[in-house]
Amino acid sequence: MNPTLAALYVYPVKSCAALTPATALVEPRGLAGDRRWLVVDAAGTFVTGRLHARMPLIRATPLAQGLRLEAPGMPAIEIAVPAANARRRNVEIWRSRVDAARADDAAGEWISRFLGAELHLVHMDNAAHRGVNPEFGRPGDEVSFADGYPQLLISSAALDALNDRLREPVSMLRFRPNFVVDGTLPHAEDDWKRIRIGSVEFDLVKPCTRCIFTTVDPERGERNADGEPLKTLTTYRRSPLGVTFGQNLIPRGSGTIRVGDAVEVLA
């Protein structure tokens, strides 16, 4: 088999809708523009679709100097990237603390209105830093507001194998990958240690453990009452780490990658 990059996904705001570019720039923290914005609560703790199932209905479109936010029943709003001297806020995401730039209050008010809770929007600029888990990365490795690592890869065959077990198939967006790879056996990525996509190399450092967010239908913004597909995944993808699906990556270079690029397994 000759694996190829079948799809690219970028999520400008963590837990919100995906964009599907044909090309993407690989940066040390992840794909350019991927999860550089984060919704937090009044205490500064990160908020995701695990808590607010309607978050995937929010579509953030990059502008030259900001974002355009759209959601069902809401007027669109344009948000500027915070200036270098903008107010900052120390926010919590998992076990990390990040000194992020605060977006305009109008952004938080808009998101709060849609989701029905007091929320705020922050931005990861060049002054904000967040390291990956040193157990799996190297000194100096950084990540955006993604859960833990700069990129996530899943094979199309892995999703096909899952859907063969489900009464109702689910889309790849349940799992929020950055890279989807065609031309492999199911879960072939579990055995990969290092790959090259286009001219950029990546280390595959850790399986991705799965949570209740997989039960949220991103098109409806609602959680599946039957607990699928997580319920089925627990029957055949349980490991000492938890229920896994896909692999976390750390880039070992920068450059532009494209849908259709060869995926070369180096180790």
Protein backbone atom coordinates (compact mmCIF):
# COMPACT_ATOMS: atom_id res chain seq x y z
CA MET A 1 0.00 0.00 0.00
CA ASN A 2 1.07 3.59 -0.66
CA PRO A 3 -0.38 5.85 2.04
CA THR A 4 -1.42 9.35 1.03
CA LEU A 5 -2.75 12.39 2.85
CA ALA A 6 -6.48 12.29 2.12
CA ALA A 7 -7.65 15.28 4.15
CA LEU A 8 -6.46 18.17 6.28
CA TYR A 9 -8.46 19.68 9.14
CA VAL A 10 -7.81 22.92 11.01
CA TYR A 11 -9.85 24.09 14.02
CA PRO A 12 -9.25 27.84 14.57
CA VAL A 13 -11.09 27.81 17.93
CA LYS A 14 -10.72 24.74 20.11
CA SER A 15 -13.88 22.55 19.99
CA CYS A 16 -15.48 24.65 17.27
CA ALA A 17 -16.08 23.77 13.61
CA ALA A 18 -13.36 22.41 11.32
CA LEU A 19 -11.96 23.97 8.19
CA THR A 20 -10.78 21.71 5.36
CA PRO A 21 -7.92 23.43 3.51
CA ALA A 22 -6.14 21.82 0.57
CA THR A 23 -2.77 22.95 1.96
CA ALA A 24 -1.46 23.77 5.42
CA LEU A 25 1.70 25.20 6.89
CA VAL A 26 3.31 23.01 9.55
CA GLU A 27 4.64 25.04 12.47
CA PRO A 28 6.26 23.82 15.71
CA ARG A 29 3.01 24.22 17.70
CA GLY A 30 0.85 22.58 15.04
CA LEU A 31 -0.72 23.57 11.75
CA ALA A 32 -0.82 27.33 11.20
CA GLY A 33 -4.04 28.71 12.65
CA ASP A 34 -4.99 25.48 14.39
CA ARG A 35 -6.45 25.93 17.88
CA ARG A 36 -4.77 29.24 18.58
CA TRP A 37 -8.03 30.50 20.12
CA LEU A 38 -9.63 29.10 23.27
CA VAL A 39 -12.93 29.56 25.09
CA VAL A 40 -12.58 29.82 28.87
CA ASP A 41 -15.01 30.22 31.73
CA ALA A 42 -15.15 33.00 34.32
CA ALA A 43 -12.34 31.32 36.29
CA GLY A 44 -10.08 31.05 33.23
CA THR A 45 -10.51 27.29 32.84
CA PHE A 46 -10.75 25.94 29.31
CA VAL A 47 -14.16 24.98 27.95
CA THR A 48 -14.76 22.37 25.24
CA GLY A 49 -17.48 20.38 23.54
CA ARG A 50 -17.28 17.87 26.37
CA LEU A 51 -19.32 20.37 28.38
CA HIS A 52 -21.02 22.44 25.68
CA ALA A 53 -22.13 20.15 22.85
CA ARG A 54 -23.14 23.13 20.67
CA MET A 55 -19.56 24.37 20.31
CA PRO A 56 -18.97 22.54 16.99
CA LEU A 57 -21.79 24.63 15.52
CA ILE A 58 -19.61 27.75 15.89
CA ARG A 59 -17.67 28.38 12.69
CA ALA A 60 -14.57 30.54 12.90
CA THR A 61 -13.21 31.78 9.58
CA PRO A 62 -9.74 33.38 9.60
CA LEU A 63 -9.49 36.97 8.40
CA ALA A 64 -6.35 38.93 7.61
CA GLN A 65 -6.15 40.14 11.21
CA GLY A 66 -8.71 38.13 13.12
CA LEU A 67 -11.71 35.82 12.94
CA ARG A 68 -15.28 35.89 11.71
CA LEU A 69 -17.59 33.92 14.03
CA GLU A 70 -20.88 32.47 12.81
CA ALA A 71 -23.43 30.18 14.45
CA PRO A 72 -27.08 29.22 13.88
CA GLY A 73 -29.46 31.99 14.89
CA MET A 74 -26.64 34.42 15.64
CA PRO A 75 -25.48 37.53 13.76
CA ALA A 76 -21.94 37.09 12.47
CA ILE A 77 -19.22 38.96 14.34
CA GLU A 78 -15.65 39.85 13.42
CA ILE A 79 -12.96 39.64 16.10
CA ALA A 80 -9.53 41.26 15.81
CA VAL A 81 -6.35 39.49 16.83
CA PRO A 82 -5.39 41.06 20.17
CA ALA A 83 -2.74 43.77 19.89
CA ALA A 84 0.72 43.25 21.33
CA ASN A 85 -0.22 45.40 24.32
CA ALA A 86 -3.61 43.72 24.86
CA ARG A 87 -4.73 42.61 28.31
CA ARG A 88 -3.56 39.13 29.20
CA ARG A 89 -5.10 36.32 31.16
CA ASN A 90 -3.57 33.28 32.80
CA VAL A 91 -5.72 30.37 31.65
CA GLU A 92 -5.78 26.69 32.54
CA ILE A 93 -5.92 23.88 29.99
CA TRP A 94 -5.52 20.40 31.41
CA ARG A 95 -2.37 20.58 33.56
CA SER A 96 -0.96 23.64 31.77
CA ARG A 97 -1.13 27.32 32.62
CA VAL A 98 -0.85 29.68 29.65
CA ASP A 99 -0.47 33.46 29.66
CA ALA A 100 -2.85 34.21 26.78
CA ALA A 101 -4.00 37.45 25.18
CA ARG A 102 -7.60 38.43 25.86
CA ALA A 103 -9.86 38.94 22.88
CA ASP A 104 -12.30 41.82 22.76
CA ASP A 105 -15.11 41.47 25.30
CA ALA A 106 -17.62 41.38 22.43
CA ALA A 107 -16.29 37.95 21.46
CA GLY A 108 -16.99 36.51 24.90
CA GLU A 109 -20.42 38.11 24.99
CA TRP A 110 -21.28 36.59 21.61
CA ILE A 111 -20.12 33.10 22.62
CA SER A 112 -21.84 33.40 26.01
CA ARG A 113 -25.12 34.25 24.31
CA PHE A 114 -24.92 31.25 22.01
CA LEU A 115 -23.86 28.72 24.64
CA GLY A 116 -25.81 30.12 27.59
CA ALA A 117 -22.95 30.56 30.04
CA GLU A 118 -20.47 33.27 31.03
CA LEU A 119 -17.50 32.66 28.73
CA HIS A 120 -14.51 34.49 27.28
CA LEU A 121 -12.19 34.11 24.27
CA VAL A 122 -8.40 34.18 24.46
CA HIS A 123 -5.64 33.96 21.87
CA MET A 124 -2.29 32.18 21.84
CA ASP A 125 0.14 34.71 20.41
CA ASN A 126 3.91 34.49 20.11
CA ALA A 127 4.31 35.57 23.73
CA ALA A 128 2.25 32.62 25.00
CA HIS A 129 3.94 29.26 25.48
CA ARG A 130 2.75 25.77 26.35
CA GLY A 131 5.00 22.73 26.42
CA VAL A 132 4.04 19.17 25.57
CA ASN A 133 4.24 16.41 28.17
CA PRO A 134 8.01 15.90 28.60
CA GLU A 135 7.42 12.17 28.96
CA PHE A 136 6.59 12.01 25.25
CA GLY A 137 8.37 15.03 23.76
CA ARG A 138 11.74 16.71 23.69
CA PRO A 139 12.81 19.82 25.61
CA GLY A 140 11.40 22.85 23.81
CA ASP A 141 8.49 21.03 22.13
CA GLU A 142 5.38 23.21 22.25
CA VAL A 143 1.70 22.82 21.47
CA SER A 144 -1.23 25.11 20.75
CA PHE A 145 -4.51 24.81 22.66
CA ALA A 146 -4.92 21.26 21.27
CA ASP A 147 -5.44 18.70 24.01
CA GLY A 148 -1.80 17.73 24.29
CA TYR A 149 0.19 17.48 21.05
CA PRO A 150 0.61 19.54 17.89
CA GLN A 151 -1.15 17.17 15.45
CA LEU A 152 -3.44 14.16 15.37
CA LEU A 153 -3.49 11.54 12.60
CA ILE A 154 -6.10 8.88 11.87
CA SER A 155 -6.33 6.42 8.98
CA SER A 156 -9.51 6.26 6.92
CA ALA A 157 -9.41 2.49 7.35
CA ALA A 158 -9.64 2.87 11.14
CA LEU A 159 -12.89 4.82 10.77
CA ASP A 160 -14.20 2.27 8.26
CA ALA A 161 -13.49 -0.55 10.73
CA LEU A 162 -15.39 1.33 13.43
CA ASN A 163 -18.35 2.10 11.19
CA ASP A 164 -18.57 -1.57 10.25
CA ARG A 165 -19.40 -2.18 13.92
CA LEU A 166 -21.93 0.64 14.32
CA ARG A 167 -25.62 0.67 13.47
CA GLU A 168 -25.30 4.32 12.42
CA PRO A 169 -21.96 5.36 10.84
CA VAL A 170 -20.16 8.43 12.14
CA SER A 171 -17.95 10.93 10.35
CA MET A 172 -14.25 11.50 10.91
CA LEU A 173 -15.11 14.84 12.52
CA ARG A 174 -16.19 12.95 15.66
CA PHE A 175 -12.46 12.49 16.29
CA ARG A 176 -11.13 15.93 15.24
CA PRO A 177 -7.91 14.87 13.47
CA ASN A 178 -5.56 17.15 11.57
CA PHE A 179 -4.43 14.46 9.13
CA VAL A 180 -6.49 11.68 7.53
CA VAL A 181 -4.49 9.05 5.68
CA ASP A 182 -5.74 6.72 2.94
CA GLY A 183 -4.11 3.56 1.65
CA THR A 184 -3.47 1.66 4.89
CA LEU A 185 -4.84 -1.20 6.90
CA PRO A 186 -7.07 -0.26 9.87
CA HIS A 187 -4.99 1.31 12.65
CA ALA A 188 -1.73 0.87 10.75
CA GLU A 189 -0.72 4.17 12.38
CA ASP A 190 -0.48 2.39 15.74
CA ASP A 191 2.78 0.83 14.58
CA TRP A 192 4.35 3.94 13.06
CA LYS A 193 7.07 5.81 14.94
CA ARG A 194 8.16 8.39 12.37
CA ILE A 195 6.66 9.54 9.08
CA ARG A 196 7.20 12.12 6.36
CA ILE A 197 4.34 14.01 4.73
CA GLY A 198 5.59 15.97 1.75
CA SER A 199 8.95 17.25 2.98
CA VAL A 200 8.06 17.45 6.70
CA GLU A 201 8.89 14.71 9.20
CA PHE A 202 6.83 13.90 12.30
CA ASP A 203 7.30 11.73 15.36
CA LEU A 204 4.27 9.67 16.40
CA VAL A 205 4.58 9.91 20.16
CA LYS A 206 1.40 8.66 21.83
CA PRO A 207 -1.98 7.10 21.04
CA CYS A 208 -4.88 9.50 21.41
CA THR A 209 -7.20 8.57 24.27
CA ARG A 210 -10.87 9.20 23.70
CA CYS A 211 -13.61 10.83 25.76
CA ILE A 212 -17.27 11.78 25.72
CA PHE A 213 -16.70 14.46 23.05
CA THR A 214 -16.75 11.66 20.46
CA THR A 215 -20.45 11.18 21.25
CA VAL A 216 -21.26 14.73 20.09
CA ASP A 217 -22.62 14.95 16.54
CA PRO A 218 -20.82 18.02 15.12
CA GLU A 219 -23.59 18.67 12.58
CA ARG A 220 -26.37 18.73 15.18
CA GLY A 221 -24.44 20.03 18.19
CA GLU A 222 -26.02 17.30 20.30
CA ARG A 223 -24.72 14.32 22.22
CA ASN A 224 -25.80 10.82 21.15
CA ALA A 225 -28.02 9.36 23.86
CA ASP A 226 -26.73 5.86 23.11
CA GLY A 227 -23.13 6.79 23.92
CA GLU A 228 -21.86 5.92 20.46
CA PRO A 229 -19.28 5.64 19.03
CA LEU A 230 -17.41 5.60 22.35
CA LYS A 231 -19.47 2.67 23.61
CA THR A 232 -18.39 0.50 20.70
CA LEU A 233 -14.77 1.70 20.81
CA THR A 234 -14.51 0.44 24.38
CA THR A 235 -15.20 -3.10 23.16
CA TYR A 236 -12.07 -3.34 21.00
CA ARG A 237 -9.83 -0.31 21.49
CA ARG A 238 -9.26 -0.36 25.24
CA SER A 239 -5.63 -0.25 26.37
CA PRO A 240 -3.70 0.55 29.57
CA LEU A 241 -3.81 4.21 28.47
CA GLY A 242 -7.59 4.16 27.95
CA VAL A 243 -9.72 3.88 24.82
CA THR A 244 -7.51 4.97 21.93
CA PHE A 245 -8.18 6.02 18.35
CA GLY A 246 -5.54 7.80 16.26
CA GLN A 247 -1.99 8.91 17.01
CA ASN A 248 -0.56 12.17 18.34
CA LEU A 249 2.29 13.75 16.35
CA ILE A 250 5.07 16.24 16.95
CA PRO A 251 6.58 17.87 13.85
CA ARG A 252 10.34 17.74 13.36
CA GLY A 253 10.46 20.52 10.82
CA SER A 254 8.32 23.13 9.11
CA GLY A 255 6.89 23.44 5.64
CA THR A 256 3.76 23.29 3.54
CA ILE A 257 1.91 20.01 3.11
CA ARG A 258 -0.90 19.27 0.68
CA VAL A 259 -3.81 16.90 0.32
CA GLY A 260 -2.55 14.14 -1.96
CA ASP A 261 0.99 14.18 -0.58
CA ALA A 262 2.66 10.83 -0.05
CA VAL A 263 2.90 9.64 3.55
CA GLU A 264 6.19 7.83 3.93
CA VAL A 265 6.68 5.58 6.95
CA LEU A 266 10.26 6.06 8.13
CA ALA A 267 10.14 3.91 11.27
